[in-house]
Amino acid sequence: MVELMDTKSLEIAQDYLPNKLGVVEKLIRFCLTLGGTISGEHDIGTAPFIPLELSADEINLMRSIKRLLDPKNILNSGKIFG
């Protein structure tokens, strides 16, 4: 388990505060190194980072499945696969 309130973690966090997106990307990369995933069934604003976890072929396959099942783009339009 990672302790988030130790002094070193706080110093590191303060270095990244001016660049929130950089912090998010670093956290996502860290989660992936632990074998985690950045999104489950629900999009949590991670669309820009999906290529860190999935290959272009995997993303295209998901888009193709979405188009096949929802050709009029009614469901979740405007989302990564919409």
N, C-alpha and C. Protein backbone atom coordinates (compact mmCIF):
# COMPACT_ATOMS: atom_id res chain seq x y z
N MET A 1 0.84 -1.18 0.00
CA MET A 1 0.00 0.00 0.00
C MET A 1 0.89 1.24 0.00
N VAL A 2 0.50 2.24 -0.75
CA VAL A 2 1.25 3.49 -0.82
C VAL A 2 0.66 4.47 0.17
N GLU A 3 1.50 5.00 1.04
CA GLU A 3 1.04 6.03 1.97
C GLU A 3 1.10 7.37 1.25
N LEU A 4 -0.03 8.04 1.18
CA LEU A 4 -0.09 9.28 0.42
C LEU A 4 0.26 10.52 1.24
N MET A 5 0.32 10.40 2.54
CA MET A 5 0.54 11.57 3.36
C MET A 5 1.95 11.70 3.91
N ASP A 6 2.87 10.85 3.50
CA ASP A 6 4.23 11.00 4.00
C ASP A 6 4.88 12.24 3.39
N THR A 7 5.93 12.73 4.03
CA THR A 7 6.57 13.98 3.63
C THR A 7 7.07 13.95 2.20
N LYS A 8 7.70 12.87 1.79
CA LYS A 8 8.22 12.79 0.43
C LYS A 8 7.09 12.88 -0.60
N SER A 9 5.97 12.19 -0.36
CA SER A 9 4.84 12.25 -1.28
C SER A 9 4.29 13.67 -1.38
N LEU A 10 4.21 14.36 -0.25
CA LEU A 10 3.71 15.73 -0.27
C LEU A 10 4.65 16.64 -1.06
N GLU A 11 5.95 16.46 -0.91
CA GLU A 11 6.92 17.26 -1.66
C GLU A 11 6.77 17.00 -3.16
N ILE A 12 6.63 15.75 -3.52
CA ILE A 12 6.47 15.40 -4.94
C ILE A 12 5.18 16.01 -5.48
N ALA A 13 4.09 15.89 -4.72
CA ALA A 13 2.80 16.44 -5.16
C ALA A 13 2.89 17.95 -5.36
N GLN A 14 3.56 18.65 -4.46
CA GLN A 14 3.67 20.10 -4.59
C GLN A 14 4.44 20.49 -5.84
N ASP A 15 5.42 19.68 -6.24
CA ASP A 15 6.15 19.95 -7.46
C ASP A 15 5.26 19.86 -8.69
N TYR A 16 4.24 19.01 -8.63
CA TYR A 16 3.38 18.79 -9.79
C TYR A 16 2.10 19.61 -9.79
N LEU A 17 1.77 20.26 -8.69
CA LEU A 17 0.52 20.99 -8.61
C LEU A 17 0.30 21.99 -9.75
N PRO A 18 1.31 22.72 -10.20
CA PRO A 18 1.06 23.66 -11.29
C PRO A 18 0.61 22.97 -12.59
N ASN A 19 0.89 21.71 -12.75
CA ASN A 19 0.54 21.00 -13.97
C ASN A 19 -0.33 19.80 -13.62
N LYS A 20 -1.63 20.04 -13.41
CA LYS A 20 -2.54 18.98 -12.98
C LYS A 20 -2.58 17.83 -13.98
N LEU A 21 -2.59 18.14 -15.26
CA LEU A 21 -2.65 17.09 -16.27
C LEU A 21 -1.42 16.20 -16.17
N GLY A 22 -0.28 16.78 -15.88
CA GLY A 22 0.94 16.00 -15.69
C GLY A 22 0.82 15.05 -14.51
N VAL A 23 0.17 15.50 -13.45
CA VAL A 23 -0.03 14.67 -12.28
C VAL A 23 -0.95 13.51 -12.64
N VAL A 24 -2.02 13.81 -13.32
CA VAL A 24 -2.97 12.76 -13.72
C VAL A 24 -2.27 11.72 -14.59
N GLU A 25 -1.50 12.18 -15.55
CA GLU A 25 -0.80 11.24 -16.43
C GLU A 25 0.18 10.38 -15.63
N LYS A 26 0.90 10.98 -14.71
CA LYS A 26 1.85 10.20 -13.90
C LYS A 26 1.12 9.17 -13.04
N LEU A 27 -0.02 9.56 -12.47
CA LEU A 27 -0.80 8.61 -11.67
C LEU A 27 -1.33 7.46 -12.53
N ILE A 28 -1.79 7.79 -13.72
CA ILE A 28 -2.29 6.76 -14.63
C ILE A 28 -1.17 5.81 -15.02
N ARG A 29 -0.02 6.36 -15.38
CA ARG A 29 1.12 5.50 -15.74
C ARG A 29 1.52 4.60 -14.55
N PHE A 30 1.49 5.17 -13.35
CA PHE A 30 1.82 4.39 -12.16
C PHE A 30 0.83 3.25 -11.96
N CYS A 31 -0.46 3.54 -12.09
CA CYS A 31 -1.49 2.50 -11.95
C CYS A 31 -1.29 1.39 -12.98
N LEU A 32 -0.94 1.77 -14.19
CA LEU A 32 -0.72 0.77 -15.24
C LEU A 32 0.48 -0.12 -14.92
N THR A 33 1.53 0.46 -14.33
CA THR A 33 2.70 -0.36 -13.98
C THR A 33 2.36 -1.38 -12.90
N LEU A 34 1.32 -1.10 -12.12
CA LEU A 34 0.89 -2.02 -11.08
C LEU A 34 -0.09 -3.06 -11.61
N GLY A 35 -0.37 -3.00 -12.92
CA GLY A 35 -1.31 -3.95 -13.51
C GLY A 35 -2.75 -3.48 -13.45
N GLY A 36 -2.95 -2.22 -13.09
CA GLY A 36 -4.30 -1.68 -13.01
C GLY A 36 -4.81 -1.24 -14.36
N THR A 37 -5.99 -0.72 -14.35
CA THR A 37 -6.60 -0.18 -15.56
C THR A 37 -7.04 1.25 -15.26
N ILE A 38 -7.14 2.07 -16.30
CA ILE A 38 -7.49 3.46 -16.06
C ILE A 38 -8.98 3.72 -16.23
N SER A 39 -9.71 2.75 -16.68
CA SER A 39 -11.14 2.92 -16.84
C SER A 39 -11.79 1.55 -16.81
N GLY A 40 -12.93 1.50 -16.18
CA GLY A 40 -13.69 0.26 -16.17
C GLY A 40 -14.90 0.42 -17.06
N GLU A 41 -16.05 0.17 -16.50
CA GLU A 41 -17.28 0.29 -17.28
C GLU A 41 -17.69 1.74 -17.50
N HIS A 42 -17.17 2.64 -16.70
CA HIS A 42 -17.60 4.03 -16.77
C HIS A 42 -16.42 4.92 -17.12
N ASP A 43 -16.65 5.83 -18.06
CA ASP A 43 -15.60 6.78 -18.42
C ASP A 43 -15.40 7.75 -17.28
N ILE A 44 -14.17 7.95 -16.88
CA ILE A 44 -13.88 8.86 -15.77
C ILE A 44 -13.00 10.02 -16.23
N GLY A 45 -13.17 10.40 -17.50
CA GLY A 45 -12.38 11.49 -18.01
C GLY A 45 -11.00 11.08 -18.47
N THR A 46 -10.83 9.81 -18.74
CA THR A 46 -9.51 9.31 -19.10
C THR A 46 -9.31 9.15 -20.59
N ALA A 47 -10.26 9.58 -21.40
CA ALA A 47 -10.17 9.37 -22.84
C ALA A 47 -8.83 9.78 -23.45
N PRO A 48 -8.25 10.91 -23.07
CA PRO A 48 -6.97 11.28 -23.67
C PRO A 48 -5.84 10.29 -23.35
N PHE A 49 -6.04 9.50 -22.29
CA PHE A 49 -4.99 8.60 -21.85
C PHE A 49 -5.20 7.14 -22.28
N ILE A 50 -6.31 6.86 -22.93
CA ILE A 50 -6.60 5.49 -23.36
C ILE A 50 -5.45 4.88 -24.16
N PRO A 51 -4.78 5.64 -25.04
CA PRO A 51 -3.65 5.04 -25.79
C PRO A 51 -2.48 4.60 -24.91
N LEU A 52 -2.44 5.02 -23.66
CA LEU A 52 -1.40 4.53 -22.76
C LEU A 52 -1.66 3.07 -22.37
N GLU A 53 -2.93 2.68 -22.41
CA GLU A 53 -3.32 1.33 -22.00
C GLU A 53 -3.66 0.42 -23.17
N LEU A 54 -4.28 0.98 -24.19
CA LEU A 54 -4.76 0.18 -25.31
C LEU A 54 -4.01 0.54 -26.59
N SER A 55 -3.80 -0.45 -27.43
CA SER A 55 -3.15 -0.19 -28.71
C SER A 55 -4.14 0.46 -29.68
N ALA A 56 -3.63 1.02 -30.75
CA ALA A 56 -4.49 1.62 -31.78
C ALA A 56 -5.43 0.57 -32.35
N ASP A 57 -4.96 -0.64 -32.54
CA ASP A 57 -5.81 -1.72 -33.06
C ASP A 57 -6.96 -2.03 -32.10
N GLU A 58 -6.67 -2.06 -30.80
CA GLU A 58 -7.72 -2.32 -29.82
C GLU A 58 -8.77 -1.21 -29.80
N ILE A 59 -8.31 0.03 -29.87
CA ILE A 59 -9.23 1.17 -29.89
C ILE A 59 -10.09 1.13 -31.15
N ASN A 60 -9.47 0.85 -32.29
CA ASN A 60 -10.23 0.78 -33.54
C ASN A 60 -11.25 -0.36 -33.52
N LEU A 61 -10.88 -1.49 -32.92
CA LEU A 61 -11.82 -2.60 -32.79
C LEU A 61 -13.02 -2.18 -31.95
N MET A 62 -12.77 -1.50 -30.85
CA MET A 62 -13.87 -1.03 -30.00
C MET A 62 -14.77 -0.05 -30.74
N ARG A 63 -14.17 0.84 -31.51
CA ARG A 63 -14.96 1.80 -32.31
C ARG A 63 -15.80 1.06 -33.35
N SER A 64 -15.23 0.04 -33.96
CA SER A 64 -15.96 -0.75 -34.96
C SER A 64 -17.15 -1.46 -34.33
N ILE A 65 -16.95 -2.03 -33.17
CA ILE A 65 -18.05 -2.71 -32.46
C ILE A 65 -19.15 -1.71 -32.11
N LYS A 66 -18.75 -0.54 -31.64
CA LYS A 66 -19.71 0.52 -31.31
C LYS A 66 -20.52 0.91 -32.54
N ARG A 67 -19.86 1.10 -33.67
CA ARG A 67 -20.56 1.47 -34.91
C ARG A 67 -21.52 0.36 -35.35
N LEU A 68 -21.11 -0.89 -35.18
CA LEU A 68 -21.94 -2.02 -35.57
C LEU A 68 -23.21 -2.09 -34.71
N LEU A 69 -23.06 -1.90 -33.41
CA LEU A 69 -24.19 -2.01 -32.50
C LEU A 69 -25.02 -0.73 -32.39
N ASP A 70 -24.44 0.39 -32.77
CA ASP A 70 -25.12 1.69 -32.65
C ASP A 70 -24.82 2.54 -33.89
N PRO A 71 -25.31 2.11 -35.05
CA PRO A 71 -24.96 2.80 -36.30
C PRO A 71 -25.42 4.26 -36.36
N LYS A 72 -26.45 4.61 -35.60
CA LYS A 72 -26.94 5.99 -35.61
C LYS A 72 -26.27 6.85 -34.52
N ASN A 73 -25.33 6.25 -33.79
CA ASN A 73 -24.58 6.95 -32.75
C ASN A 73 -25.51 7.64 -31.74
N ILE A 74 -26.49 6.88 -31.28
CA ILE A 74 -27.45 7.40 -30.31
C ILE A 74 -26.91 7.27 -28.89
N LEU A 75 -26.23 6.18 -28.61
CA LEU A 75 -25.75 5.90 -27.26
C LEU A 75 -24.38 6.54 -27.02
N ASN A 76 -24.29 7.32 -25.98
CA ASN A 76 -23.02 7.96 -25.59
C ASN A 76 -22.34 8.71 -26.73
N SER A 77 -23.12 9.42 -27.51
CA SER A 77 -22.53 10.19 -28.60
C SER A 77 -21.58 11.24 -28.03
N GLY A 78 -20.50 11.47 -28.72
CA GLY A 78 -19.51 12.44 -28.26
C GLY A 78 -18.45 11.84 -27.35
N LYS A 79 -18.59 10.59 -27.00
CA LYS A 79 -17.59 9.93 -26.16
C LYS A 79 -16.50 9.34 -27.04
N ILE A 80 -15.50 8.73 -26.45
CA ILE A 80 -14.34 8.25 -27.20
C ILE A 80 -14.73 7.29 -28.32
N PHE A 81 -15.75 6.47 -28.10
CA PHE A 81 -16.17 5.53 -29.13
C PHE A 81 -17.47 5.97 -29.80
N GLY A 82 -17.91 7.19 -29.51
CA GLY A 82 -19.20 7.65 -30.01
C GLY A 82 -19.13 8.42 -31.28
